[in-house]
Structures are given as structure tokens and as C-alpha cells.
Amino acid sequence: MDRDASIDFAKKYLEDLLSFFGLNAVVAAHCDDDVIELSVPSTHLNGFLIGQRGETLRSLQFLLSMGLKNKDAELTRVNIDIANYKRHRAERVEEQVREWCKQVVDSGEPMQLKPMSPADRRTAHRVVAEFPQLTSHSEGEGRDRHLVISKLES
């Protein structure tokens, strides 16, 4: 299955899945850096589809990714955003990480952050990279994986 067919399959798969919950939504789909980006507009089911801390959303992504792999699709990585939840969450994470970076710059002491999802860690690493005097790395395994922000050695 080529790129365009992969995107079409993912869009239809998600629309069909949503229809099982009684939601007839038009899903916007495009490809960005070999990741199929799917956007579901805001509806009365936002909370249900996102789930607690985005768990249901991650499960939907997993289901869709497995469906693509089973079809031997060229593209199998999927990012679903419901009512711009992920964009708003990334903005909140960026804001918080900037505050932590300022604390590390001022104190000179490394800071271990709470465990984060892979998407939140990517966002945090990107923000830390904006501070030339700081570095970040991930530690831990699975759900305990977290970021450490520290000053670069002079």
C-alpha cells in the first residue's frame, strides 16, 4: 500500500471506528515527516475519545497503527488529535518546561522531571534545546521514563 493509500486507509479506518460510537465526523488527514496526521473536530465525545491523560487517544493510535501494519502499508506511524487536545497540551508542556529551564539556569542544579509520555518528552527536549547553556536526557524505563535537565559543563 503506497503513501496516499495509507493515508486514505487511516482516515477511513478512524471515521469507521468513530461511527461505532455514534459519531459521524469528517477526519482531516495529511502526512508530515512520514507520520499520518489525523485531526478530529470538537464534538460532545471529546472527553470520552481522549480519555484520562490521553490514554484512549493513545489506544486509538495503536489500533490504527496495527491496522496499517497488517495491510503492509508504507506509512504506519499515526498521530491523532481530537479537538486540538495534543496541540494545547504541547503548549502547556512547553510553558512549564521553560519555567523549569529558568530554575536550572538560576540554581545551577540539575532537575529531574516527573515521568512523561514520549510525546511530552520530545516536546520538553525541544524546549531545553532553546537554552544554549542547558542539556537534557531521558532516564528510566517504561512509565517511569523521565527527563533530566542540567547545565552544560563549562
Protein backbone atom coordinates (compact mmCIF):
# COMPACT_ATOMS: atom_id res chain seq x y z
CA MET A 1 0.00 0.00 0.00
CA ASP A 2 1.59 3.31 -1.09
CA ARG A 3 1.63 6.59 0.88
CA ASP A 4 -1.63 8.00 -0.46
CA ALA A 5 -3.43 4.68 0.04
CA SER A 6 -2.03 4.51 3.61
CA ILE A 7 -3.41 7.97 4.39
CA ASP A 8 -6.81 7.16 2.84
CA PHE A 9 -6.98 3.85 4.74
CA ALA A 10 -6.11 5.56 8.05
CA LYS A 11 -8.72 8.30 7.50
CA LYS A 12 -11.48 5.79 6.64
CA TYR A 13 -10.45 3.42 9.46
CA LEU A 14 -10.72 6.20 12.05
CA GLU A 15 -14.01 7.52 10.63
CA ASP A 16 -15.43 3.97 10.72
CA LEU A 17 -14.18 3.47 14.29
CA LEU A 18 -15.76 6.75 15.40
CA SER A 19 -19.04 5.76 13.75
CA PHE A 20 -19.25 2.76 16.13
CA PHE A 21 -19.54 5.33 18.93
CA GLY A 22 -22.32 7.13 17.03
CA LEU A 23 -20.04 9.92 15.85
CA ASN A 24 -20.18 10.81 12.18
CA ALA A 25 -17.17 13.11 11.96
CA VAL A 26 -15.12 14.12 8.96
CA VAL A 27 -11.47 13.44 9.79
CA ALA A 28 -8.83 15.70 8.26
CA ALA A 29 -5.74 13.76 7.14
CA HIS A 30 -2.30 14.63 5.84
CA CYS A 31 1.25 13.33 6.06
CA ASP A 32 4.08 15.09 7.89
CA ASP A 33 7.58 13.54 8.17
CA ASP A 34 6.30 10.02 7.42
CA VAL A 35 3.64 10.31 10.13
CA ILE A 36 -0.04 10.25 9.21
CA GLU A 37 -1.63 13.23 10.99
CA LEU A 38 -5.37 12.83 11.65
CA SER A 39 -7.49 15.59 13.15
CA VAL A 40 -10.96 15.02 14.59
CA PRO A 41 -13.08 18.15 15.13
CA SER A 42 -14.51 19.02 18.54
CA THR A 43 -17.67 17.08 19.46
CA HIS A 44 -19.68 16.09 22.52
CA LEU A 45 -17.47 12.96 22.76
CA ASN A 46 -14.12 14.78 23.20
CA GLY A 47 -13.58 13.65 26.79
CA PHE A 48 -14.57 10.08 26.01
CA LEU A 49 -12.30 9.84 22.95
CA ILE A 50 -9.31 11.46 24.65
CA GLY A 51 -9.68 9.55 27.92
CA GLN A 52 -7.85 10.12 31.16
CA ARG A 53 -4.45 11.73 30.40
CA GLY A 54 -4.89 10.81 26.73
CA GLU A 55 -4.96 7.04 27.30
CA THR A 56 -7.92 6.38 24.98
CA LEU A 57 -6.35 8.59 22.32
CA ARG A 58 -3.09 6.59 22.51
CA SER A 59 -5.10 3.36 22.26
CA LEU A 60 -6.86 4.61 19.12
CA GLN A 61 -3.46 5.45 17.61
CA PHE A 62 -2.17 1.98 18.47
CA LEU A 63 -5.21 0.28 16.89
CA LEU A 64 -4.85 2.33 13.73
CA SER A 65 -1.11 1.74 13.52
CA MET A 66 -1.64 -2.03 13.85
CA GLY A 67 -4.33 -1.90 11.15
CA LEU A 68 -1.84 -0.19 8.82
CA LYS A 69 0.91 -2.71 9.63
CA ASN A 70 -1.48 -5.60 8.91
CA LYS A 71 -2.15 -4.07 5.47
CA ASP A 72 1.62 -3.76 4.82
CA ALA A 73 1.17 -0.01 4.46
CA GLU A 74 4.12 2.19 3.53
CA LEU A 75 3.25 4.54 6.41
CA THR A 76 2.41 3.04 9.81
CA ARG A 77 3.09 5.88 12.28
CA VAL A 78 -0.08 7.72 13.24
CA ASN A 79 -0.82 10.84 15.25
CA ILE A 80 -4.47 11.50 16.12
CA ASP A 81 -5.51 14.85 17.59
CA ILE A 82 -9.02 15.33 18.91
CA ALA A 83 -10.29 18.92 19.25
CA ASN A 84 -6.64 20.15 19.22
CA TYR A 85 -6.04 18.40 22.57
CA LYS A 86 -2.44 17.50 21.71
CA ARG A 87 -1.57 20.96 20.41
CA HIS A 88 -2.94 22.59 23.58
CA ARG A 89 -1.18 20.02 25.77
CA ALA A 90 2.14 20.61 23.97
CA GLU A 91 1.76 24.36 24.57
CA ARG A 92 1.19 23.77 28.31
CA VAL A 93 4.20 21.42 28.48
CA GLU A 94 6.40 23.97 26.64
CA GLU A 95 5.40 26.70 29.08
CA GLN A 96 6.13 24.53 32.14
CA VAL A 97 9.48 23.26 30.78
CA ARG A 98 10.60 26.86 30.07
CA GLU A 99 9.95 27.67 33.74
CA TRP A 100 11.96 24.63 34.85
CA CYS A 101 14.80 25.58 32.50
CA LYS A 102 14.93 29.06 34.06
CA GLN A 103 15.11 27.45 37.52
CA VAL A 104 18.02 25.21 36.43
CA VAL A 105 19.85 28.20 34.89
CA ASP A 106 19.38 30.23 38.09
CA SER A 107 20.23 27.45 40.57
CA GLY A 108 22.80 25.52 38.55
CA GLU A 109 21.29 22.33 39.99
CA PRO A 110 20.01 19.53 37.72
CA MET A 111 16.27 18.91 37.80
CA GLN A 112 14.56 15.53 37.42
CA LEU A 113 11.09 15.92 35.96
CA LYS A 114 8.11 13.70 36.64
CA PRO A 115 7.55 10.76 34.25
CA MET A 116 6.13 11.88 30.90
CA SER A 117 4.68 10.35 27.77
CA PRO A 118 7.04 10.05 24.78
CA ALA A 119 5.29 12.98 23.06
CA ASP A 120 5.70 15.20 26.12
CA ARG A 121 9.38 14.20 26.45
CA ARG A 122 10.01 15.11 22.78
CA THR A 123 8.39 18.50 23.39
CA ALA A 124 10.48 19.00 26.54
CA HIS A 125 13.76 18.08 24.79
CA ARG A 126 12.92 20.56 22.02
CA VAL A 127 12.31 23.34 24.57
CA VAL A 128 15.51 22.60 26.51
CA ALA A 129 17.44 22.84 23.23
CA GLU A 130 16.37 26.51 23.06
CA PHE A 131 18.62 27.17 26.08
CA PRO A 132 22.27 27.00 24.89
CA GLN A 133 23.61 26.54 28.43
CA LEU A 134 21.37 23.52 29.18
CA THR A 135 21.15 19.90 28.15
CA SER A 136 18.55 17.19 28.70
CA HIS A 137 18.40 13.43 28.61
CA SER A 138 15.84 10.76 29.45
CA GLU A 139 16.25 8.21 32.23
CA GLY A 140 14.21 5.26 33.44
CA GLU A 141 12.10 2.63 31.72
CA GLY A 142 8.50 2.42 30.58
CA ARG A 143 6.04 4.53 32.56
CA ASP A 144 8.85 5.74 34.85
CA ARG A 145 10.83 7.30 31.97
CA HIS A 146 11.52 10.93 32.77
CA LEU A 147 13.66 13.88 31.71
CA VAL A 148 16.67 15.33 33.48
CA ILE A 149 17.58 18.95 32.75
CA SER A 150 21.09 20.10 33.67
CA LYS A 151 23.62 22.81 32.91
CA LEU A 152 26.29 22.05 30.34
CA GLU A 153 29.76 21.53 31.80
CA SER A 154 31.95 24.58 31.13
